[in-house]
Amino acid sequence: MVRKALVTAALRNLLLAMAIAACSLSVQSSHAARGMSAACADDGVEKFAIEEHEDNRVSVCRADGVGDCLYTQAYGKTFVDSRLHLNTDKRRDYVIKDFTGAYGLNDVVHFMLFAQCRDGKYVQVADDFFTSLKAGAIDASTGWLNLHVTRDCYSEKIGDTQARSYTISFDPKHSEYGPPNANPALTHYCSDAELALPASAASSPLSK
């Protein structure tokens, strides 16, 4: 009898844990869906059509077909970096690297992130300059990935680049990722404010 009661209690606890986990996932999905739906439904937000080509080259054009493509595979300088699921809507999104610019002695690249809408078109949710970008954990409050990024900025004091690590998080109010560590002073890459930070010691608690 005691053994049966223990088994019943264990089963009840397991079912409760599964229900809590399912509820948590549902909440995350709901947050992500609301954030994405708002961005995709906003008439003021431009949508894009993205087409992949050989060697990971990619073209990014306005979805309405107006004007020239912003980035075209003919130049051969814009590439697919990854197809992350940026949120929990189960649609594949784009992380794209653009090598058309020149950034001096700073070892950074132009990163663009595009989230997919239900109609198959994309909205841009990040446009920034980093050395690397990797997926972190889902933020339970938004349903979007936190992303771990680095910037290797050139320092005249040492005559070399210095790496700094950050986290960028999705801002539902603006339907896009905010600046590194949510710090407006880091909006522009390798600024004086950024160079004043300790090298390799600028990571936020989220990135640990």
Protein backbone atom coordinates (compact mmCIF):
# COMPACT_ATOMS: atom_id res chain seq x y z
CA MET A 1 0.00 0.00 0.00
CA VAL A 2 2.80 2.41 0.94
CA ARG A 3 4.70 1.55 -2.24
CA LYS A 4 1.60 2.16 -4.35
CA ALA A 5 1.08 5.53 -2.69
CA LEU A 6 4.70 6.51 -3.40
CA VAL A 7 4.37 5.52 -7.06
CA THR A 8 1.13 7.48 -7.34
CA ALA A 9 2.75 10.54 -5.77
CA ALA A 10 5.76 10.28 -8.09
CA LEU A 11 3.50 9.99 -11.12
CA ARG A 12 1.46 12.97 -9.96
CA ASN A 13 4.63 15.06 -9.54
CA LEU A 14 5.84 14.03 -12.99
CA LEU A 15 2.55 15.03 -14.61
CA LEU A 16 2.62 18.33 -12.74
CA ALA A 17 6.17 19.05 -13.94
CA MET A 18 5.16 18.23 -17.52
CA ALA A 19 2.15 20.53 -17.28
CA ILE A 20 4.28 23.38 -15.94
CA ALA A 21 6.84 22.89 -18.73
CA ALA A 22 4.09 22.86 -21.36
CA CYS A 23 2.58 26.00 -19.89
CA SER A 24 5.97 27.75 -19.93
CA LEU A 25 6.52 26.82 -23.58
CA SER A 26 3.02 28.03 -24.43
CA VAL A 27 3.70 31.38 -22.77
CA GLN A 28 6.99 31.76 -24.66
CA SER A 29 5.30 30.91 -27.95
CA SER A 30 2.53 33.38 -27.20
CA HIS A 31 5.04 36.16 -26.48
CA ALA A 32 6.95 35.41 -29.68
CA ALA A 33 3.79 35.22 -31.76
CA ARG A 34 2.55 38.57 -30.48
CA GLY A 35 5.91 40.22 -31.12
CA MET A 36 6.21 38.76 -34.60
CA SER A 37 2.58 39.39 -35.53
CA ALA A 38 2.90 43.02 -34.50
CA ALA A 39 5.99 43.48 -36.65
CA CYS A 40 4.55 41.64 -39.65
CA ALA A 41 1.18 43.39 -39.46
CA ASP A 42 2.63 46.89 -39.10
CA ASP A 43 2.02 48.77 -42.36
CA GLY A 44 5.04 50.94 -41.59
CA VAL A 45 7.43 47.98 -41.45
CA GLU A 46 9.11 47.08 -44.72
CA LYS A 47 9.01 43.44 -45.76
CA PHE A 48 11.70 41.66 -47.73
CA ALA A 49 12.01 38.71 -50.07
CA ILE A 50 15.17 36.66 -49.54
CA GLU A 51 16.57 34.28 -52.13
CA GLU A 52 19.50 31.90 -51.67
CA HIS A 53 22.04 31.17 -54.41
CA GLU A 54 25.16 29.05 -54.83
CA ASP A 55 27.96 29.22 -52.26
CA ASN A 56 25.58 30.62 -49.61
CA ARG A 57 25.22 33.88 -51.51
CA VAL A 58 21.94 35.64 -50.94
CA SER A 59 19.88 38.49 -52.36
CA VAL A 60 17.63 40.70 -50.24
CA CYS A 61 14.95 42.64 -52.11
CA ARG A 62 11.86 44.60 -51.20
CA ALA A 63 8.89 42.25 -51.08
CA ASP A 64 6.79 44.66 -53.16
CA GLY A 65 9.35 44.54 -55.98
CA VAL A 66 9.82 48.31 -55.99
CA GLY A 67 13.33 49.59 -56.73
CA ASP A 68 16.59 47.71 -56.90
CA CYS A 69 17.49 44.94 -54.47
CA LEU A 70 19.26 46.16 -51.37
CA TYR A 71 21.73 43.31 -51.64
CA THR A 72 22.16 41.12 -54.69
CA GLN A 73 24.02 37.87 -55.24
CA ALA A 74 25.65 39.41 -58.31
CA TYR A 75 28.01 41.37 -56.06
CA GLY A 76 28.93 38.18 -54.21
CA LYS A 77 29.41 39.91 -50.86
CA THR A 78 26.25 39.00 -48.96
CA PHE A 79 25.99 35.51 -47.49
CA VAL A 80 23.76 33.34 -45.32
CA ASP A 81 25.47 32.87 -41.97
CA SER A 82 22.80 30.64 -40.41
CA ARG A 83 19.08 29.83 -40.36
CA LEU A 84 18.39 30.20 -36.66
CA HIS A 85 14.95 29.96 -35.13
CA LEU A 86 15.06 33.41 -33.54
CA ASN A 87 11.79 32.81 -31.71
CA THR A 88 9.38 30.00 -30.93
CA ASP A 89 7.06 30.35 -33.93
CA LYS A 90 8.85 27.40 -35.63
CA ARG A 91 9.54 29.40 -38.80
CA ARG A 92 13.15 29.51 -39.99
CA ASP A 93 14.75 32.94 -39.87
CA TYR A 94 17.90 34.39 -41.42
CA VAL A 95 21.23 35.57 -40.05
CA ILE A 96 23.01 37.27 -42.96
CA LYS A 97 26.54 38.65 -43.23
CA ASP A 98 27.26 41.55 -45.55
CA PHE A 99 30.87 42.21 -46.61
CA THR A 100 30.25 45.24 -48.82
CA GLY A 101 31.51 47.81 -46.29
CA ALA A 102 34.91 48.80 -44.94
CA TYR A 103 35.38 49.16 -41.20
CA GLY A 104 38.94 50.36 -40.88
CA LEU A 105 41.12 48.30 -38.57
CA ASN A 106 38.13 47.01 -36.65
CA ASP A 107 37.53 43.28 -37.14
CA VAL A 108 33.75 43.46 -37.49
CA VAL A 109 31.18 42.43 -40.09
CA HIS A 110 27.74 43.77 -40.96
CA PHE A 111 25.13 41.37 -39.51
CA MET A 112 21.47 41.50 -40.50
CA LEU A 113 18.74 39.39 -38.91
CA PHE A 114 15.44 38.73 -40.64
CA ALA A 115 12.43 37.01 -39.05
CA GLN A 116 9.93 35.18 -41.22
CA CYS A 117 6.25 36.16 -41.33
CA ARG A 118 3.34 33.83 -41.99
CA ASP A 119 3.21 34.90 -45.64
CA GLY A 120 6.81 33.79 -46.20
CA LYS A 121 8.16 37.33 -46.36
CA TYR A 122 10.66 38.70 -43.84
CA VAL A 123 11.02 41.68 -41.54
CA GLN A 124 14.40 42.92 -40.36
CA VAL A 125 14.87 42.60 -36.61
CA ALA A 126 18.57 43.49 -36.27
CA ASP A 127 21.13 45.51 -38.21
CA ASP A 128 24.47 45.82 -36.45
CA PHE A 129 28.21 45.16 -36.61
CA PHE A 130 29.85 42.29 -34.77
CA THR A 131 32.77 39.90 -35.03
CA SER A 132 30.69 36.87 -34.12
CA LEU A 133 27.10 36.00 -33.27
CA LYS A 134 25.85 32.84 -31.54
CA ALA A 135 22.50 31.70 -30.22
CA GLY A 136 21.89 31.82 -26.49
CA ALA A 137 18.83 30.70 -24.54
CA ILE A 138 15.23 31.69 -25.14
CA ASP A 139 14.19 34.70 -23.05
CA ALA A 140 11.06 33.50 -21.26
CA SER A 141 9.68 37.04 -21.07
CA THR A 142 9.72 37.56 -24.85
CA GLY A 143 9.91 34.13 -26.47
CA TRP A 144 12.96 35.25 -28.47
CA LEU A 145 16.56 34.10 -28.37
CA ASN A 146 19.15 36.06 -26.50
CA LEU A 147 22.17 36.29 -28.80
CA HIS A 148 25.80 36.28 -27.69
CA VAL A 149 27.94 38.62 -29.77
CA THR A 150 31.52 39.85 -29.80
CA ARG A 151 33.22 42.91 -31.23
CA ASP A 152 36.95 43.06 -31.91
CA CYS A 153 37.72 46.77 -31.97
CA TYR A 154 41.06 48.31 -32.85
CA SER A 155 42.83 50.14 -30.05
CA GLU A 156 45.46 52.71 -30.93
CA LYS A 157 46.89 52.35 -27.43
CA ILE A 158 48.02 48.77 -28.02
CA GLY A 159 48.13 48.79 -31.82
CA ASP A 160 45.85 45.75 -32.07
CA THR A 161 42.23 44.67 -31.74
CA GLN A 162 40.60 43.85 -28.42
CA ALA A 163 37.62 41.53 -28.04
CA ARG A 164 34.56 42.38 -25.98
CA SER A 165 31.55 40.15 -25.38
CA TYR A 166 27.91 41.17 -25.08
CA THR A 167 24.34 39.93 -25.20
CA ILE A 168 21.65 41.39 -27.43
CA SER A 169 18.00 40.83 -26.56
CA PHE A 170 14.75 41.29 -28.45
CA ASP A 171 12.81 44.44 -27.56
CA PRO A 172 9.06 43.78 -28.07
CA LYS A 173 8.25 47.50 -27.91
CA HIS A 174 10.33 48.17 -31.02
CA SER A 175 9.99 44.71 -32.62
CA GLU A 176 13.74 44.39 -32.99
CA TYR A 177 16.91 43.50 -31.11
CA GLY A 178 18.31 46.26 -28.95
CA PRO A 179 21.92 47.43 -28.60
CA PRO A 180 24.55 45.25 -26.89
CA ASN A 181 23.77 44.78 -23.19
CA ALA A 182 20.78 47.12 -23.76
CA ASN A 183 23.28 49.99 -23.57
CA PRO A 184 22.52 52.85 -26.02
CA ALA A 185 26.17 53.94 -25.80
CA LEU A 186 27.08 50.73 -27.65
CA THR A 187 24.69 51.32 -30.55
CA HIS A 188 27.56 52.40 -32.81
CA TYR A 189 30.32 49.82 -33.07
CA CYS A 190 33.80 50.52 -31.68
CA SER A 191 32.88 53.95 -30.36
CA ASP A 192 34.91 55.79 -27.73
CA ALA A 193 32.42 54.55 -25.13
CA GLU A 194 33.05 50.97 -26.19
CA LEU A 195 36.83 51.34 -26.29
CA ALA A 196 36.68 52.62 -22.71
CA LEU A 197 35.31 49.25 -21.56
CA PRO A 198 37.68 46.54 -20.34
CA ALA A 199 38.58 44.08 -23.06
CA SER A 200 36.92 40.65 -22.80
CA ALA A 201 35.14 41.76 -19.64
CA ALA A 202 32.06 43.50 -20.95
CA SER A 203 29.72 40.54 -20.91
CA SER A 204 26.36 40.89 -19.23
CA PRO A 205 24.89 38.44 -16.71
CA LEU A 206 22.67 37.09 -19.52
CA SER A 207 25.69 35.91 -21.47
CA LYS A 208 27.02 33.72 -18.69
